[in-house]
């Protein structure tokens, strides 16, 4: 998910337009069961957090949400739990459907992400070759 307006990500309350996509725009929602996972995740999180879904569009590669978040809840909390729970459920469904090629491609992508650590001096991401972060002195 793009964080162009990072200062709003931790803000409590308000109206938010959210776009989030699957890794490399992969088409992961193979049939209606996968769409139900997305909608079920939103329904579950509405019980846990205080927010309303004003509108949504779910496509095979990404989704758009318009959320009204009540005071005391942050978009960060909602999106963290939404992505974690939804990724787990979709992965389980892909395993059940024996979509091994797709699962393998996602594992390769996941493994390559583990080789990256944040560069805390610049707020960017650098390849992890030494398992430590070295400040850029230039």
Protein backbone atom coordinates (compact mmCIF):
# COMPACT_ATOMS: atom_id res chain seq x y z
CA UNK A 1 0.00 0.00 0.00
CA UNK A 2 1.36 3.39 -0.91
CA UNK A 3 1.95 5.78 1.97
CA UNK A 4 2.08 9.08 0.11
CA UNK A 5 0.39 10.83 3.04
CA UNK A 6 2.17 9.09 5.92
CA UNK A 7 1.30 11.83 8.41
CA UNK A 8 -2.37 10.80 8.13
CA UNK A 9 -1.73 7.09 8.58
CA UNK A 10 -1.63 7.23 12.40
CA UNK A 11 -4.29 9.92 12.74
CA UNK A 12 -7.34 9.01 14.81
CA UNK A 13 -10.73 9.47 13.22
CA UNK A 14 -11.68 10.86 9.84
CA UNK A 15 -12.63 9.86 6.33
CA UNK A 16 -10.01 7.89 4.35
CA UNK A 17 -9.70 6.63 0.78
CA UNK A 18 -7.53 3.52 0.79
CA UNK A 19 -6.06 1.64 -2.16
CA UNK A 20 -4.11 -1.52 -1.52
CA UNK A 21 -2.86 -4.08 -4.00
CA UNK A 22 -1.43 -7.55 -3.99
CA UNK A 23 2.29 -8.04 -4.50
CA UNK A 24 3.25 -7.08 -8.06
CA UNK A 25 -0.45 -6.72 -8.95
CA UNK A 26 -0.89 -10.50 -8.89
CA UNK A 27 -4.40 -11.73 -9.45
CA UNK A 28 -5.02 -13.65 -6.21
CA UNK A 29 -8.80 -13.61 -6.01
CA UNK A 30 -9.47 -16.68 -8.12
CA UNK A 31 -13.22 -16.98 -7.46
CA UNK A 32 -16.03 -15.78 -5.18
CA UNK A 33 -14.60 -17.54 -2.12
CA UNK A 34 -11.60 -15.19 -2.20
CA UNK A 35 -13.81 -12.12 -2.47
CA UNK A 36 -15.75 -13.42 0.54
CA UNK A 37 -12.50 -13.57 2.50
CA UNK A 38 -11.95 -9.86 1.83
CA UNK A 39 -15.50 -8.91 2.80
CA UNK A 40 -15.47 -11.22 5.83
CA UNK A 41 -12.24 -9.63 7.03
CA UNK A 42 -13.78 -6.17 6.82
CA UNK A 43 -16.89 -7.34 8.67
CA UNK A 44 -14.77 -8.91 11.42
CA UNK A 45 -12.64 -5.78 11.84
CA UNK A 46 -15.72 -3.57 12.04
CA UNK A 47 -16.59 -5.49 15.19
CA UNK A 48 -13.08 -5.03 16.63
CA UNK A 49 -12.52 -1.37 15.65
CA UNK A 50 -14.84 1.59 15.34
CA UNK A 51 -15.16 2.38 11.64
CA UNK A 52 -17.74 2.34 8.86
CA UNK A 53 -17.22 1.14 5.31
CA UNK A 54 -18.73 3.88 3.16
CA UNK A 55 -17.85 2.24 -0.16
CA UNK A 56 -15.60 -0.45 -1.55
CA UNK A 57 -14.49 -1.93 -4.85
CA UNK A 58 -12.72 -5.30 -4.84
CA UNK A 59 -10.87 -6.41 -7.97
CA UNK A 60 -8.68 -9.45 -8.55
CA UNK A 61 -5.43 -7.47 -8.13
CA UNK A 62 -6.35 -4.68 -5.70
CA UNK A 63 -9.11 -2.98 -3.74
CA UNK A 64 -10.36 0.48 -2.90
CA UNK A 65 -12.03 1.42 0.36
CA UNK A 66 -13.64 4.57 1.67
CA UNK A 67 -13.65 4.32 5.44
CA UNK A 68 -14.99 6.60 8.13
CA UNK A 69 -12.90 5.95 11.22
CA UNK A 70 -14.19 7.06 14.61
CA UNK A 71 -12.00 8.73 17.24
CA UNK A 72 -9.87 6.26 19.17
CA UNK A 73 -9.14 4.10 16.11
CA UNK A 74 -6.35 4.59 13.59
CA UNK A 75 -6.12 3.58 9.97
CA UNK A 76 -2.80 1.96 10.81
CA UNK A 77 -4.44 -0.44 13.29
CA UNK A 78 -7.19 -1.38 10.85
CA UNK A 79 -4.91 -1.94 7.86
CA UNK A 80 -2.32 -3.89 9.88
CA UNK A 81 -4.94 -6.36 11.11
CA UNK A 82 -6.79 -6.44 7.78
CA UNK A 83 -3.68 -7.33 5.80
CA UNK A 84 -2.40 -9.86 8.32
CA UNK A 85 -5.72 -11.70 8.69
CA UNK A 86 -6.62 -11.53 5.00
CA UNK A 87 -3.17 -12.71 3.84
CA UNK A 88 -3.40 -15.69 6.19
CA UNK A 89 -6.90 -16.65 4.99
CA UNK A 90 -6.05 -16.23 1.29
CA UNK A 91 -2.88 -18.29 1.69
CA UNK A 92 -4.87 -21.06 3.38
CA UNK A 93 -7.45 -20.98 0.58
CA UNK A 94 -4.71 -21.14 -2.08
CA UNK A 95 -3.24 -24.16 -0.29
CA UNK A 96 -6.66 -25.82 -0.15
CA UNK A 97 -7.13 -25.11 -3.88
CA UNK A 98 -3.65 -26.52 -4.61
CA UNK A 99 -2.57 -23.32 -6.36
CA UNK A 100 1.06 -24.31 -5.85
CA UNK A 101 2.57 -22.22 -8.67
CA UNK A 102 1.00 -19.07 -7.26
CA UNK A 103 2.02 -19.97 -3.70
CA UNK A 104 5.60 -20.63 -4.81
CA UNK A 105 5.81 -17.27 -6.57
CA UNK A 106 4.56 -15.55 -3.41
CA UNK A 107 7.11 -17.42 -1.27
CA UNK A 108 9.93 -16.27 -3.55
CA UNK A 109 8.67 -12.69 -3.24
CA UNK A 110 8.43 -13.06 0.54
CA UNK A 111 11.95 -14.48 0.82
CA UNK A 112 13.39 -11.58 -1.18
CA UNK A 113 11.67 -9.10 1.18
CA UNK A 114 13.41 -10.69 4.17
CA UNK A 115 16.77 -9.67 2.69
CA UNK A 116 15.89 -5.97 3.09
CA UNK A 117 16.25 -3.84 6.22
CA UNK A 118 15.17 -0.26 6.77
CA UNK A 119 17.76 2.50 6.54
CA UNK A 120 16.74 4.50 9.60
CA UNK A 121 18.94 7.45 8.67
CA UNK A 122 17.07 8.31 5.47
CA UNK A 123 13.70 6.59 5.84
CA UNK A 124 14.42 4.37 2.85
CA UNK A 125 15.03 0.67 2.31
CA UNK A 126 18.45 -0.76 1.54
CA UNK A 127 19.55 -4.32 0.80
CA UNK A 128 20.71 -6.17 3.92
CA UNK A 129 24.16 -7.54 3.22
CA UNK A 130 25.68 -7.28 6.71
CA UNK A 131 22.63 -7.63 9.00
CA UNK A 132 23.28 -4.13 10.31
CA UNK A 133 22.34 -0.60 9.33
CA UNK A 134 25.19 1.73 8.49
CA UNK A 135 24.39 5.46 8.45
CA UNK A 136 25.07 7.29 5.20
CA UNK A 137 27.58 10.03 5.97
CA UNK A 138 27.37 11.81 2.61
